[in-house]
Structures are given as structure tokens and as C-alpha cells.
């Protein structure tokens, strides 16, 4: 097992005051924090992929995540998912009207 030296005064104070120097409880709290964050990010990603496939609208994703549409658009950027998917069929439909 590796030893980690804590040199940040905030983290040291947190360990001493909130966890009473119990390093195992401190480490478990950190693991839980990252697992929770990972679950949230997985849910976000799965919902955004459903949007990308056309299974959900942007509004539906925002509603499920309880965030605004603009925040949802920021998540699309975060996960590198395009807001609008442009393919040859889309271009043909859009520009076919000019023929």
C-alpha cells in the first residue's frame, strides 16, 4: 500500500476536523464522491447519446437531468456530441427546396 503525503492545509484541516484523523473514513468518502460523480456522468452521457440517436429531444434530456436547455447544450460540448447531426440526407432535404 502506498503512503500519500497531504500538503494542502484545507485537506489536512478537513481530515482532522470532519474525519477526526480517521484516514480510512476519509478515503472511503473520497471514493464515494467519485463513484457518485461517475454515476451522474454515465447517466448524462447515456441520455445525450439517446439525444444523438434521435430517441430523445434536447428538452427531454434537460427535463430528465433537471437542467436548462443551455446547460444541456454545454453537456453536448463536454461529451463532444453535435447539437445537429448533418449528413447527406439532411443536406439533400434542406437544399432540395432550392431546385
N, C-alpha and C. Protein backbone atom coordinates (compact mmCIF):
# COMPACT_ATOMS: atom_id res chain seq x y z
N UNK A 1 0.84 -1.18 0.00
CA UNK A 1 0.00 0.00 0.00
C UNK A 1 0.89 1.25 0.00
N UNK A 2 0.49 2.24 -0.79
CA UNK A 2 1.27 3.45 -0.89
C UNK A 2 0.83 4.46 0.17
N UNK A 3 1.78 5.29 0.57
CA UNK A 3 1.50 6.37 1.50
C UNK A 3 1.42 7.67 0.72
N UNK A 4 0.41 8.47 1.02
CA UNK A 4 0.24 9.76 0.36
C UNK A 4 0.48 10.86 1.38
N UNK A 5 1.34 11.79 1.03
CA UNK A 5 1.60 12.94 1.88
C UNK A 5 0.61 14.05 1.51
N UNK A 6 -0.09 14.57 2.48
CA UNK A 6 -1.04 15.67 2.25
C UNK A 6 -0.34 16.97 2.61
N UNK A 7 -0.21 17.85 1.61
CA UNK A 7 0.46 19.11 1.85
C UNK A 7 -0.49 20.30 1.72
N UNK A 8 -1.73 20.02 1.46
CA UNK A 8 -2.73 21.08 1.33
C UNK A 8 -3.37 21.33 2.69
N UNK A 9 -3.33 22.57 3.17
CA UNK A 9 -3.84 22.87 4.51
C UNK A 9 -5.35 22.64 4.63
N UNK A 10 -6.09 22.90 3.56
CA UNK A 10 -7.54 22.68 3.60
C UNK A 10 -7.85 21.20 3.78
N UNK A 11 -7.17 20.36 3.00
CA UNK A 11 -7.39 18.91 3.09
C UNK A 11 -6.97 18.40 4.47
N UNK A 12 -5.87 18.87 4.96
CA UNK A 12 -5.41 18.47 6.30
C UNK A 12 -6.43 18.85 7.36
N UNK A 13 -6.94 20.07 7.29
CA UNK A 13 -7.95 20.52 8.25
C UNK A 13 -9.22 19.70 8.13
N UNK A 14 -9.61 19.40 6.91
CA UNK A 14 -10.79 18.58 6.67
C UNK A 14 -10.62 17.19 7.29
N UNK A 15 -9.48 16.59 7.07
CA UNK A 15 -9.19 15.28 7.65
C UNK A 15 -9.25 15.33 9.17
N UNK A 16 -8.69 16.36 9.75
CA UNK A 16 -8.63 16.47 11.21
C UNK A 16 -9.99 16.80 11.83
N UNK A 17 -10.75 17.70 11.21
CA UNK A 17 -11.98 18.17 11.83
C UNK A 17 -13.23 17.36 11.47
N UNK A 18 -13.32 16.93 10.24
CA UNK A 18 -14.52 16.20 9.80
C UNK A 18 -14.39 14.69 9.94
N UNK A 19 -13.15 14.21 9.88
CA UNK A 19 -12.94 12.77 9.93
C UNK A 19 -12.11 12.36 11.14
N UNK A 20 -11.79 13.31 12.01
CA UNK A 20 -11.07 13.06 13.25
C UNK A 20 -9.82 12.21 13.03
N UNK A 21 -9.09 12.54 11.95
CA UNK A 21 -7.85 11.87 11.54
C UNK A 21 -8.03 10.39 11.19
N UNK A 22 -9.26 9.98 10.95
CA UNK A 22 -9.50 8.60 10.53
C UNK A 22 -9.33 8.55 9.00
N UNK A 23 -8.14 8.14 8.58
CA UNK A 23 -7.79 8.15 7.16
C UNK A 23 -8.65 7.19 6.35
N UNK A 24 -9.04 6.08 6.93
CA UNK A 24 -9.85 5.11 6.17
C UNK A 24 -11.24 5.70 5.86
N UNK A 25 -11.83 6.41 6.82
CA UNK A 25 -13.13 7.05 6.56
C UNK A 25 -12.98 8.16 5.53
N UNK A 26 -11.90 8.88 5.60
CA UNK A 26 -11.62 9.95 4.66
C UNK A 26 -11.50 9.39 3.24
N UNK A 27 -10.75 8.31 3.09
CA UNK A 27 -10.56 7.68 1.78
C UNK A 27 -11.87 7.12 1.26
N UNK A 28 -12.67 6.51 2.11
CA UNK A 28 -13.97 5.98 1.70
C UNK A 28 -14.89 7.10 1.22
N UNK A 29 -14.85 8.24 1.90
CA UNK A 29 -15.67 9.39 1.49
C UNK A 29 -15.24 9.89 0.12
N UNK A 30 -13.96 9.91 -0.15
CA UNK A 30 -13.45 10.34 -1.46
C UNK A 30 -13.88 9.35 -2.54
N UNK A 31 -13.76 8.05 -2.25
CA UNK A 31 -14.19 7.03 -3.22
C UNK A 31 -15.68 7.18 -3.54
N UNK A 32 -16.48 7.37 -2.50
CA UNK A 32 -17.92 7.53 -2.68
C UNK A 32 -18.23 8.75 -3.53
N UNK A 33 -17.51 9.84 -3.28
CA UNK A 33 -17.69 11.06 -4.06
C UNK A 33 -17.43 10.80 -5.54
N UNK A 34 -16.33 10.14 -5.86
CA UNK A 34 -16.00 9.87 -7.25
C UNK A 34 -16.95 8.85 -7.88
N UNK A 35 -17.41 7.87 -7.12
CA UNK A 35 -18.37 6.91 -7.65
C UNK A 35 -19.68 7.60 -7.97
N UNK A 36 -20.13 8.50 -7.10
CA UNK A 36 -21.36 9.25 -7.34
C UNK A 36 -21.21 10.12 -8.57
N UNK A 37 -20.08 10.81 -8.68
CA UNK A 37 -19.83 11.66 -9.84
C UNK A 37 -19.80 10.82 -11.11
N UNK A 38 -19.19 9.66 -11.04
CA UNK A 38 -19.11 8.77 -12.20
C UNK A 38 -20.51 8.31 -12.63
N UNK A 39 -21.37 8.00 -11.67
CA UNK A 39 -22.74 7.58 -12.00
C UNK A 39 -23.50 8.70 -12.67
N UNK A 40 -23.34 9.92 -12.17
CA UNK A 40 -24.01 11.07 -12.77
C UNK A 40 -23.52 11.30 -14.19
N UNK A 41 -22.21 11.23 -14.39
CA UNK A 41 -21.65 11.42 -15.72
C UNK A 41 -22.10 10.32 -16.68
N UNK A 42 -22.20 9.10 -16.19
CA UNK A 42 -22.68 7.99 -17.02
C UNK A 42 -24.12 8.24 -17.43
N UNK A 43 -24.96 8.69 -16.50
CA UNK A 43 -26.36 8.99 -16.82
C UNK A 43 -26.43 10.13 -17.85
N UNK A 44 -25.66 11.19 -17.63
CA UNK A 44 -25.63 12.30 -18.58
C UNK A 44 -25.26 11.80 -19.97
N UNK A 45 -24.18 11.03 -20.03
CA UNK A 45 -23.68 10.54 -21.31
C UNK A 45 -24.72 9.67 -22.01
N UNK A 46 -25.33 8.76 -21.28
CA UNK A 46 -26.33 7.87 -21.88
C UNK A 46 -27.54 8.66 -22.40
N UNK A 47 -27.98 9.66 -21.66
CA UNK A 47 -29.09 10.49 -22.12
C UNK A 47 -28.70 11.30 -23.36
N UNK A 48 -27.49 11.83 -23.37
CA UNK A 48 -27.04 12.60 -24.52
C UNK A 48 -26.85 11.72 -25.75
N UNK A 49 -26.41 10.49 -25.55
CA UNK A 49 -26.30 9.56 -26.68
C UNK A 49 -27.70 9.22 -27.22
N UNK A 50 -28.69 9.13 -26.34
CA UNK A 50 -30.07 8.91 -26.79
C UNK A 50 -30.54 10.11 -27.62
N UNK A 51 -30.17 11.31 -27.21
CA UNK A 51 -30.47 12.51 -27.99
C UNK A 51 -29.78 12.43 -29.35
N UNK A 52 -28.52 12.03 -29.36
CA UNK A 52 -27.74 11.93 -30.59
C UNK A 52 -28.36 10.93 -31.56
N UNK A 53 -28.93 9.85 -31.04
CA UNK A 53 -29.59 8.84 -31.89
C UNK A 53 -30.97 9.30 -32.35
N UNK A 54 -31.48 10.35 -31.73
CA UNK A 54 -32.82 10.83 -32.06
C UNK A 54 -33.91 10.22 -31.21
N UNK A 55 -33.53 9.49 -30.15
CA UNK A 55 -34.51 8.85 -29.27
C UNK A 55 -35.13 9.84 -28.29
N UNK A 56 -34.40 10.90 -27.93
CA UNK A 56 -34.89 11.92 -27.01
C UNK A 56 -34.63 13.30 -27.60
N UNK A 57 -35.49 14.25 -27.26
CA UNK A 57 -35.27 15.64 -27.67
C UNK A 57 -34.35 16.31 -26.65
N UNK A 58 -33.82 17.46 -27.05
CA UNK A 58 -32.99 18.24 -26.13
C UNK A 58 -33.80 18.60 -24.89
N UNK A 59 -35.04 18.99 -25.08
CA UNK A 59 -35.91 19.35 -23.96
C UNK A 59 -36.10 18.17 -23.02
N UNK A 60 -36.29 16.97 -23.58
CA UNK A 60 -36.49 15.78 -22.74
C UNK A 60 -35.24 15.48 -21.90
N UNK A 61 -34.08 15.59 -22.53
CA UNK A 61 -32.83 15.36 -21.79
C UNK A 61 -32.69 16.38 -20.66
N UNK A 62 -32.94 17.65 -20.98
CA UNK A 62 -32.84 18.72 -19.98
C UNK A 62 -33.82 18.46 -18.83
N UNK A 63 -35.01 18.05 -19.17
CA UNK A 63 -36.05 17.78 -18.16
C UNK A 63 -35.65 16.62 -17.25
N UNK A 64 -35.13 15.55 -17.82
CA UNK A 64 -34.72 14.39 -17.02
C UNK A 64 -33.58 14.77 -16.08
N UNK A 65 -32.63 15.56 -16.59
CA UNK A 65 -31.48 15.96 -15.78
C UNK A 65 -31.79 17.15 -14.87
N UNK A 66 -32.98 17.72 -15.05
CA UNK A 66 -33.42 18.87 -14.26
C UNK A 66 -32.45 20.06 -14.41
N UNK A 67 -32.10 20.33 -15.68
CA UNK A 67 -31.24 21.46 -16.01
C UNK A 67 -31.85 22.21 -17.18
N UNK A 68 -31.31 23.38 -17.49
CA UNK A 68 -31.82 24.19 -18.60
C UNK A 68 -31.34 23.62 -19.94
N UNK A 69 -31.98 24.09 -21.02
CA UNK A 69 -31.55 23.66 -22.36
C UNK A 69 -30.13 24.13 -22.63
N UNK A 70 -29.79 25.33 -22.20
CA UNK A 70 -28.43 25.83 -22.45
C UNK A 70 -27.40 24.99 -21.68
N UNK A 71 -27.74 24.56 -20.47
CA UNK A 71 -26.84 23.68 -19.72
C UNK A 71 -26.70 22.32 -20.43
N UNK A 72 -27.80 21.87 -21.02
CA UNK A 72 -27.76 20.61 -21.77
C UNK A 72 -26.87 20.75 -22.99
N UNK A 73 -26.95 21.90 -23.65
CA UNK A 73 -26.08 22.15 -24.80
C UNK A 73 -24.61 22.19 -24.39
N UNK A 74 -24.33 22.71 -23.19
CA UNK A 74 -22.96 22.69 -22.68
C UNK A 74 -22.49 21.26 -22.44
N UNK A 75 -23.39 20.39 -21.98
CA UNK A 75 -23.03 18.98 -21.80
C UNK A 75 -22.74 18.32 -23.15
N UNK A 76 -23.49 18.70 -24.18
CA UNK A 76 -23.21 18.17 -25.51
C UNK A 76 -21.77 18.51 -25.91
N UNK A 77 -21.36 19.74 -25.64
CA UNK A 77 -19.98 20.14 -25.92
C UNK A 77 -19.00 19.31 -25.10
N UNK A 78 -19.31 19.15 -23.81
CA UNK A 78 -18.42 18.42 -22.90
C UNK A 78 -18.14 17.01 -23.42
N UNK A 79 -19.17 16.35 -23.92
CA UNK A 79 -19.03 14.97 -24.39
C UNK A 79 -18.80 14.88 -25.90
N UNK A 80 -18.57 16.03 -26.53
CA UNK A 80 -18.28 16.10 -27.96
C UNK A 80 -19.38 15.45 -28.81
N UNK A 81 -20.62 15.76 -28.46
CA UNK A 81 -21.78 15.28 -29.21
C UNK A 81 -22.37 16.48 -29.94
N UNK A 82 -22.52 16.38 -31.26
CA UNK A 82 -23.02 17.55 -32.00
C UNK A 82 -24.47 17.89 -31.67
N UNK A 83 -24.76 19.20 -31.68
CA UNK A 83 -26.13 19.66 -31.44
C UNK A 83 -27.02 19.25 -32.60
N UNK A 84 -26.51 19.39 -33.81
CA UNK A 84 -27.23 18.99 -35.01
C UNK A 84 -26.35 18.04 -35.79
N UNK A 85 -26.91 16.93 -36.19
CA UNK A 85 -26.16 15.96 -36.99
C UNK A 85 -26.49 16.23 -38.44
N UNK A 86 -25.48 16.59 -39.22
CA UNK A 86 -25.67 16.89 -40.63
C UNK A 86 -25.07 15.75 -41.45
N UNK A 87 -25.95 15.09 -42.20
CA UNK A 87 -25.48 14.04 -43.10
C UNK A 87 -25.99 14.35 -44.50
N UNK A 88 -25.68 13.50 -45.45
CA UNK A 88 -26.06 13.77 -46.84
C UNK A 88 -27.58 13.84 -47.01
N UNK A 89 -28.32 13.01 -46.28
CA UNK A 89 -29.78 13.04 -46.37
C UNK A 89 -30.33 14.38 -45.88
N UNK A 90 -29.78 14.88 -44.78
CA UNK A 90 -30.21 16.17 -44.24
C UNK A 90 -29.92 17.29 -45.24
N UNK A 91 -28.73 17.27 -45.83
CA UNK A 91 -28.37 18.30 -46.80
C UNK A 91 -29.27 18.23 -48.01
N UNK A 92 -29.56 17.02 -48.46
CA UNK A 92 -30.45 16.85 -49.62
C UNK A 92 -31.84 17.40 -49.33
N UNK A 93 -32.37 17.15 -48.14
CA UNK A 93 -33.69 17.67 -47.77
C UNK A 93 -33.69 19.18 -47.70
N UNK A 94 -32.67 19.73 -47.05
CA UNK A 94 -32.61 21.18 -46.85
C UNK A 94 -32.39 21.95 -48.15
N UNK A 95 -31.48 21.46 -48.96
CA UNK A 95 -31.14 22.20 -50.17
C UNK A 95 -31.96 21.74 -51.38
N UNK A 96 -32.70 20.68 -51.23
CA UNK A 96 -33.58 20.22 -52.30
C UNK A 96 -34.68 21.24 -52.61
N UNK A 97 -35.00 22.03 -51.62
CA UNK A 97 -36.05 23.04 -51.81
C UNK A 97 -35.60 24.13 -52.78
N UNK A 98 -34.30 24.28 -53.01
CA UNK A 98 -33.80 25.33 -53.89
C UNK A 98 -33.74 24.90 -55.35
N UNK A 99 -34.08 23.67 -55.64
CA UNK A 99 -34.03 23.15 -57.02
C UNK A 99 -35.19 23.65 -57.83
